[in-house]
Amino acid sequence: MLSKASSWFSEHNWARNPFTLDISHSLFVGRTDQLDTVTSGIDEGQKYVIIIGPTGAGKTTLLKYLSAKYKGVYLPKPPLKKDELVDVLAANLIYTSFLHRLFNSDTINAFNISEHLNKKLKGKKTVILIDEAHETDVEMLSWLRSIIEQVEGTTLILAALPKLKEEHLKRLETLSQRVTVDIELRAFTKDESVELIKKRITSVGGKTIEPFTLDALNEIYSLSGGSPREILKICNNVIHKAIEKSASIIDQTYFKSSGKSEDRPAEKEENTDALNLLTDKQIKIMELIGKEGTITPSELVKKIAGIEGGSYKSDAHALRAVNNILRRLERDNMIARERRGRTYKYGISPRYRSRFVKA
């Protein structure tokens, strides 16, 4: 016997739920101008490309699309040590098989890997893509630059939160001055948002935008702020509601707001009034979260200490005060919390993202 969800999907000719947060290069949509800029840079043989955007902007999807297009080496996280960097590059670009690695007597290290790569690649166009590049440090970026600079035909693509440029590259001019392609991923337009939903639905066998009505799509765009990840999360939630109701149509009644255009100015006014009620400390925390994309309470405490010095009696007092502010901001839907391993990270909610998140 089919489950309620399976029956609902079957009625709509869907093979599965298309709005899970899986990342597939085949589902890439939008970003036409940015994509043209990046691919032109790669085709021209530019050495360094930087893709900046807030959490959920679609950086990983873009990297996976480019990796598939150019058969590149995609790293979901940056190497943290020189040996790790050498091992990753050697495993993906030098050793063609386990036996090749087993019987290769040459010792590859950070000082000779460029020579080995040139010998192996022979100038062939090679794209190396590193996600979450803001999690690395200046020393590792310096090593990456040194290696890429010496290997003919390679392009290094770094995707990161804005802090990569605001912090790391400001301290590493030898790299920042060599970046010739630098793009920012901003929020989707309304048309791009609809295209994302449509492509997700048709990828599992559905028809156009059904079962969403046009009014529902307007609501999704308004609530998500054009953030691709938020669009998927909102669609996923309303799909579950429709399954519970055994409904065949999803319209504006599935959302809190009525969808009427006259409600929009009031919503904007409400947002502004809410911000005016925040203290300077609360505003500062919102700004720090927006700058980082997502951040833990303990990371926030360190950032505040770096700005204000010893304004609290101890780290424990600081953490308690920050947690109290975070709970208040979360209660007012100004920030959102999500679990990451054993801890929680906080990010700006879509409604306030344009105010505090810099793309």
Protein backbone atom coordinates (compact mmCIF):
# COMPACT_ATOMS: atom_id res chain seq x y z
CA MET A 1 0.00 0.00 0.00
CA LEU A 2 1.38 3.41 -0.97
CA SER A 3 2.04 6.00 1.75
CA LYS A 4 0.07 9.23 1.74
CA ALA A 5 3.07 11.09 0.30
CA SER A 6 3.70 8.49 -2.41
CA SER A 7 0.06 8.57 -3.44
CA TRP A 8 0.11 12.37 -3.66
CA PHE A 9 3.30 12.34 -5.74
CA SER A 10 1.80 9.70 -8.02
CA GLU A 11 -1.33 11.80 -8.60
CA HIS A 12 0.90 14.63 -9.84
CA ASN A 13 3.14 12.31 -11.86
CA TRP A 14 6.09 13.15 -9.59
CA ALA A 15 8.69 10.46 -9.08
CA ARG A 16 9.63 12.03 -5.72
CA ASN A 17 9.70 15.30 -3.80
CA PRO A 18 11.58 17.79 -6.02
CA PHE A 19 12.20 20.30 -3.24
CA THR A 20 14.67 18.48 -1.05
CA LEU A 21 17.96 20.33 -0.58
CA ASP A 22 19.96 18.04 -2.83
CA ILE A 23 22.46 19.83 -5.07
CA SER A 24 22.63 18.79 -8.71
CA HIS A 25 24.35 20.59 -11.59
CA SER A 26 21.53 19.45 -13.89
CA LEU A 27 19.09 21.64 -11.90
CA PHE A 28 21.12 24.82 -12.36
CA VAL A 29 18.97 27.81 -13.34
CA GLY A 30 19.39 31.56 -13.71
CA ARG A 31 22.68 33.42 -13.21
CA THR A 32 23.02 33.87 -16.98
CA ASP A 33 25.26 36.94 -16.85
CA GLN A 34 27.42 35.62 -14.01
CA LEU A 35 27.77 32.24 -15.71
CA ASP A 36 28.84 33.88 -18.97
CA THR A 37 31.44 35.92 -17.09
CA VAL A 38 32.92 32.86 -15.37
CA THR A 39 32.94 30.58 -18.42
CA SER A 40 34.49 33.32 -20.55
CA GLY A 41 37.22 33.72 -17.94
CA ILE A 42 37.93 29.99 -17.90
CA ASP A 43 37.93 29.74 -21.69
CA GLU A 44 40.32 32.68 -21.89
CA GLY A 45 42.70 30.94 -19.49
CA GLN A 46 42.28 33.36 -16.58
CA LYS A 47 44.03 32.05 -13.48
CA TYR A 48 41.74 33.12 -10.65
CA VAL A 49 37.95 33.35 -10.29
CA ILE A 50 36.14 34.34 -7.11
CA ILE A 51 32.42 33.73 -6.54
CA ILE A 52 31.00 35.57 -3.53
CA GLY A 53 27.52 35.24 -2.06
CA PRO A 54 25.58 34.78 1.19
CA THR A 55 24.59 31.40 2.56
CA GLY A 56 21.98 29.73 0.34
CA ALA A 57 22.72 31.90 -2.72
CA GLY A 58 23.59 28.90 -4.92
CA LYS A 59 27.39 28.96 -4.86
CA THR A 60 27.72 25.18 -4.56
CA THR A 61 25.23 24.54 -7.38
CA LEU A 62 27.18 26.88 -9.64
CA LEU A 63 30.49 25.18 -8.75
CA LYS A 64 29.06 21.74 -9.48
CA TYR A 65 27.69 22.96 -12.80
CA LEU A 66 31.13 24.31 -13.75
CA SER A 67 32.86 21.17 -12.49
CA ALA A 68 30.64 19.00 -14.72
CA LYS A 69 31.09 21.31 -17.71
CA TYR A 70 34.89 21.38 -17.51
CA LYS A 71 35.44 17.99 -15.82
CA GLY A 72 37.11 19.90 -13.02
CA VAL A 73 38.36 18.94 -9.58
CA TYR A 74 35.69 19.96 -7.05
CA LEU A 75 36.59 20.26 -3.36
CA PRO A 76 33.62 20.78 -0.98
CA LYS A 77 35.99 22.23 1.64
CA PRO A 78 39.42 23.88 1.34
CA PRO A 79 42.47 21.87 2.45
CA LEU A 80 43.68 23.05 5.85
CA LYS A 81 47.30 21.86 5.62
CA LYS A 82 49.95 21.83 2.89
CA ASP A 83 50.19 18.03 2.94
CA GLU A 84 46.43 17.73 2.54
CA LEU A 85 46.53 20.11 -0.42
CA VAL A 86 49.32 18.10 -2.06
CA ASP A 87 47.49 14.80 -1.50
CA VAL A 88 44.24 16.12 -2.99
CA LEU A 89 45.88 17.54 -6.10
CA ALA A 90 48.06 14.47 -6.61
CA ALA A 91 45.16 12.05 -6.17
CA ASN A 92 42.93 13.92 -8.63
CA LEU A 93 45.39 15.14 -11.25
CA ILE A 94 48.59 13.09 -11.16
CA TYR A 95 47.87 9.51 -10.17
CA THR A 96 45.70 7.87 -12.81
CA SER A 97 45.21 4.65 -10.85
CA PHE A 98 46.00 2.95 -7.56
CA LEU A 99 48.83 0.98 -9.20
CA HIS A 100 50.28 4.18 -10.63
CA ARG A 101 50.41 5.62 -7.14
CA LEU A 102 51.72 2.40 -5.62
CA PHE A 103 54.68 2.04 -7.98
CA ASN A 104 55.50 5.72 -8.43
CA SER A 105 58.69 6.22 -6.51
CA ASP A 106 58.77 10.03 -6.82
CA THR A 107 57.96 11.83 -3.60
CA ILE A 108 55.51 14.65 -4.24
CA ASN A 109 55.47 17.56 -1.82
CA ALA A 110 54.44 21.21 -1.68
CA PHE A 111 57.72 22.31 -3.23
CA ASN A 112 57.70 20.08 -6.33
CA ILE A 113 54.02 19.40 -7.00
CA SER A 114 53.88 22.20 -9.61
CA GLU A 115 56.61 20.43 -11.57
CA HIS A 116 54.72 17.12 -11.38
CA LEU A 117 51.46 18.76 -12.43
CA ASN A 118 53.08 20.43 -15.44
CA LYS A 119 54.62 17.13 -16.46
CA LYS A 120 51.28 15.32 -16.16
CA LEU A 121 48.88 17.93 -17.52
CA LYS A 122 51.10 19.36 -20.28
CA GLY A 123 49.20 22.63 -20.40
CA LYS A 124 45.76 21.01 -20.66
CA LYS A 125 42.91 23.27 -19.46
CA THR A 126 42.32 22.27 -15.84
CA VAL A 127 39.77 23.77 -13.46
CA ILE A 128 40.11 23.44 -9.68
CA LEU A 129 37.01 24.51 -7.73
CA ILE A 130 37.06 25.02 -3.96
CA ASP A 131 33.84 25.57 -2.01
CA GLU A 132 33.56 27.29 1.39
CA ALA A 133 36.91 28.98 0.68
CA HIS A 134 36.35 31.46 3.53
CA GLU A 135 37.09 28.58 5.94
CA THR A 136 40.75 28.48 4.91
CA ASP A 137 43.51 30.83 6.08
CA VAL A 138 45.91 33.24 4.44
CA GLU A 139 48.83 30.81 4.54
CA MET A 140 46.91 28.13 2.64
CA LEU A 141 45.67 30.68 0.11
CA SER A 142 49.27 31.74 -0.40
CA TRP A 143 50.31 28.14 -1.11
CA LEU A 144 47.40 27.71 -3.53
CA ARG A 145 48.42 30.86 -5.37
CA SER A 146 52.02 29.71 -5.58
CA ILE A 147 51.06 26.33 -7.06
CA ILE A 148 48.42 27.61 -9.49
CA GLU A 149 50.74 30.37 -10.68
CA GLN A 150 53.33 27.81 -11.77
CA VAL A 151 51.03 25.28 -13.45
CA GLU A 152 50.21 26.08 -17.04
CA GLY A 153 46.56 25.90 -18.12
CA THR A 154 45.01 25.85 -14.63
CA THR A 155 42.16 28.02 -13.33
CA LEU A 156 41.40 28.22 -9.61
CA ILE A 157 37.78 29.03 -8.65
CA LEU A 158 37.04 29.99 -5.04
CA ALA A 159 33.45 30.22 -3.78
CA ALA A 160 32.94 31.85 -0.41
CA LEU A 161 31.08 34.16 1.90
CA PRO A 162 31.97 37.88 1.67
CA LYS A 163 34.51 37.53 4.49
CA LEU A 164 36.97 35.93 2.03
CA LYS A 165 37.39 39.31 0.34
CA GLU A 166 36.85 41.47 3.39
CA GLU A 167 39.39 39.64 5.55
CA HIS A 168 41.63 37.08 3.80
CA LEU A 169 42.32 38.78 0.48
CA LYS A 170 42.96 42.13 2.14
CA ARG A 171 45.89 40.43 3.87
CA LEU A 172 47.09 38.67 0.73
CA GLU A 173 47.59 41.25 -1.99
CA THR A 174 49.68 38.83 -4.07
CA LEU A 175 46.47 36.90 -4.71
CA SER A 176 43.85 39.67 -4.64
CA GLN A 177 45.73 41.64 -7.32
CA ARG A 178 45.74 38.58 -9.60
CA VAL A 179 41.98 37.94 -9.44
CA THR A 180 40.60 38.89 -12.85
CA VAL A 181 37.09 37.41 -12.55
CA ASP A 182 35.13 38.44 -9.47
CA ILE A 183 31.35 37.93 -9.33
CA GLU A 184 28.66 38.31 -6.70
CA LEU A 185 25.64 36.02 -6.47
CA ARG A 186 22.68 38.14 -5.48
CA ALA A 187 19.12 37.06 -4.81
CA PHE A 188 17.10 35.58 -7.66
CA THR A 189 14.69 37.76 -9.57
CA LYS A 190 11.04 36.73 -9.57
CA ASP A 191 11.42 35.12 -13.01
CA GLU A 192 14.49 33.16 -11.89
CA SER A 193 12.65 32.01 -8.76
CA VAL A 194 9.75 30.69 -10.87
CA GLU A 195 12.23 29.04 -13.23
CA LEU A 196 13.86 27.24 -10.29
CA ILE A 197 10.50 25.88 -9.09
CA LYS A 198 9.45 24.88 -12.60
CA LYS A 199 12.71 23.07 -13.32
CA ARG A 200 12.55 21.20 -10.02
CA ILE A 201 9.00 20.04 -10.77
CA THR A 202 9.64 18.98 -14.36
CA SER A 203 12.84 17.14 -13.29
CA VAL A 204 10.67 14.61 -11.41
CA GLY A 205 8.03 14.26 -14.15
CA GLY A 206 5.63 17.08 -13.27
CA LYS A 207 4.04 19.66 -15.55
CA THR A 208 5.18 23.28 -15.55
CA ILE A 209 4.38 24.92 -12.18
CA GLU A 210 1.48 22.68 -11.13
CA PRO A 211 0.17 22.38 -8.43
CA PHE A 212 1.26 25.95 -7.52
CA THR A 213 -0.94 28.85 -8.54
CA LEU A 214 0.55 32.15 -9.68
CA ASP A 215 -0.52 33.75 -6.40
CA ALA A 216 1.35 31.04 -4.51
CA LEU A 217 4.50 31.70 -6.55
CA ASN A 218 4.24 35.39 -5.68
CA GLU A 219 4.08 34.48 -2.00
CA ILE A 220 7.06 32.15 -2.24
CA TYR A 221 9.15 34.84 -3.89
CA SER A 222 8.13 37.44 -1.31
CA LEU A 223 8.83 35.21 1.69
CA SER A 224 12.12 33.82 0.37
CA GLY A 225 13.61 37.14 -0.66
CA GLY A 226 14.85 35.37 -3.80
CA SER A 227 17.22 33.09 -1.87
CA PRO A 228 17.38 29.76 -3.76
CA ARG A 229 17.71 27.71 -0.59
CA GLU A 230 14.81 29.49 1.07
CA ILE A 231 12.66 28.92 -2.03
CA LEU A 232 13.27 25.18 -1.78
CA LYS A 233 12.60 25.11 1.97
CA ILE A 234 9.31 27.02 1.61
CA CYS A 235 8.16 24.81 -1.28
CA ASN A 236 9.09 21.70 0.70
CA ASN A 237 7.02 22.88 3.68
CA VAL A 238 3.89 23.72 1.69
CA ILE A 239 4.12 20.43 -0.23
CA HIS A 240 3.93 18.61 3.10
CA LYS A 241 0.87 20.69 4.05
CA ALA A 242 -0.79 19.84 0.73
CA ILE A 243 -0.09 16.13 1.25
CA GLU A 244 -1.71 16.24 4.70
CA LYS A 245 -4.78 17.95 3.23
CA SER A 246 -4.82 15.68 0.13
CA ALA A 247 -5.06 18.94 -1.83
CA SER A 248 -4.43 19.12 -5.56
CA ILE A 249 -3.83 22.88 -5.69
CA ILE A 250 -1.46 25.06 -3.66
CA ASP A 251 -2.61 28.68 -3.59
CA GLN A 252 -2.01 31.77 -1.45
CA THR A 253 -4.08 30.38 1.45
CA TYR A 254 -1.07 28.20 2.36
CA PHE A 255 0.85 31.29 3.45
CA LYS A 256 0.42 33.66 6.37
CA SER A 257 0.16 36.78 4.25
CA SER A 258 -2.92 37.26 2.07
CA GLY A 259 -0.88 37.89 -1.06
CA LYS A 260 -2.61 41.22 -1.75
CA SER A 261 -0.34 43.93 -3.02
CA GLU A 262 -1.70 46.44 -0.48
CA ASP A 263 -0.27 44.29 2.32
CA ARG A 264 3.29 44.75 1.10
CA PRO A 265 3.92 48.35 2.24
CA ALA A 266 2.60 47.47 5.70
CA GLU A 267 5.01 44.53 5.86
CA LYS A 268 7.95 46.76 4.95
CA GLU A 269 6.85 49.32 7.54
CA GLU A 270 6.60 46.56 10.15
CA ASN A 271 10.15 45.43 9.33
CA THR A 272 11.50 48.96 9.71
CA ASP A 273 9.65 49.51 13.00
CA ALA A 274 11.03 46.24 14.38
CA LEU A 275 14.59 47.29 13.54
CA ASN A 276 14.07 50.65 15.24
CA LEU A 277 13.24 48.84 18.48
CA LEU A 278 16.58 46.98 18.55
CA THR A 279 19.41 48.08 20.82
CA ASP A 280 22.83 49.00 19.47
CA LYS A 281 24.17 45.66 20.72
CA GLN A 282 21.41 43.74 18.95
CA ILE A 283 22.04 45.63 15.71
CA LYS A 284 25.77 44.90 16.00
CA ILE A 285 25.06 41.18 16.41
CA MET A 286 22.74 41.22 13.39
CA GLU A 287 25.50 42.92 11.38
CA LEU A 288 28.11 40.36 12.48
CA ILE A 289 25.81 37.46 11.56
CA GLY A 290 25.09 39.04 8.18
CA LYS A 291 28.79 39.49 7.50
CA GLU A 292 29.63 35.86 8.34
CA GLY A 293 26.61 34.26 6.69
CA THR A 294 26.15 31.79 9.52
CA ILE A 295 27.90 31.78 12.89
CA THR A 296 27.87 29.98 16.26
CA PRO A 297 27.34 31.81 19.57
CA SER A 298 30.95 31.14 20.64
CA GLU A 299 32.23 32.55 17.33
CA LEU A 300 30.10 35.64 17.91
CA VAL A 301 31.63 36.10 21.36
CA LYS A 302 35.14 36.10 19.82
CA LYS A 303 34.09 38.63 17.17
CA ILE A 304 32.57 40.93 19.79
CA ALA A 305 35.67 40.61 22.00
CA GLY A 306 37.83 41.60 19.03
CA ILE A 307 35.74 44.73 18.51
CA GLU A 308 34.96 45.79 22.07
CA GLY A 309 37.76 44.23 24.10
CA GLY A 310 36.95 43.02 27.60
CA SER A 311 33.44 44.45 28.01
CA TYR A 312 32.29 41.31 29.88
CA LYS A 313 33.59 39.86 33.16
CA SER A 314 34.37 36.50 31.55
CA ASP A 315 33.77 34.43 28.42
CA ALA A 316 30.94 32.67 30.25
CA HIS A 317 29.21 36.00 30.95
CA ALA A 318 29.69 37.05 27.32
CA LEU A 319 28.28 33.78 25.99
CA ARG A 320 25.25 34.01 28.28
CA ALA A 321 24.54 37.57 27.14
CA VAL A 322 24.94 36.69 23.45
CA ASN A 323 22.66 33.65 23.79
CA ASN A 324 19.98 35.82 25.40
CA ILE A 325 20.14 38.27 22.50
CA LEU A 326 20.06 35.42 19.95
CA ARG A 327 16.97 33.92 21.57
CA ARG A 328 15.22 37.29 21.42
CA LEU A 329 16.14 37.84 17.76
CA GLU A 330 15.08 34.29 16.85
CA ARG A 331 11.76 34.72 18.67
CA ASP A 332 11.09 37.83 16.57
CA ASN A 333 11.98 35.93 13.36
CA MET A 334 14.94 38.21 12.64
CA ILE A 335 17.40 35.34 12.64
CA ALA A 336 17.05 31.61 12.02
CA ARG A 337 18.84 28.73 13.71
CA GLU A 338 19.96 25.45 12.17
CA ARG A 339 21.85 22.53 13.64
CA ARG A 340 25.40 21.89 12.36
CA GLY A 341 26.83 18.75 13.93
CA ARG A 342 26.87 19.24 17.69
CA THR A 343 26.22 22.96 17.66
CA TYR A 344 23.84 25.53 16.24
CA LYS A 345 24.57 28.23 13.70
CA TYR A 346 22.55 31.38 13.21
CA GLY A 347 21.79 33.24 9.99
CA ILE A 348 19.72 36.27 9.02
CA SER A 349 16.11 35.42 8.15
CA PRO A 350 15.08 36.07 4.52
CA ARG A 351 12.91 39.07 5.49
CA TYR A 352 15.94 41.01 6.79
CA ARG A 353 18.63 39.56 4.52
CA SER A 354 18.74 42.53 2.13
CA ARG A 355 19.43 44.79 5.12
CA PHE A 356 22.20 42.83 6.79
CA VAL A 357 23.73 40.37 4.29
CA LYS A 358 26.23 41.79 1.81
CA ALA A 359 26.55 39.72 -1.39
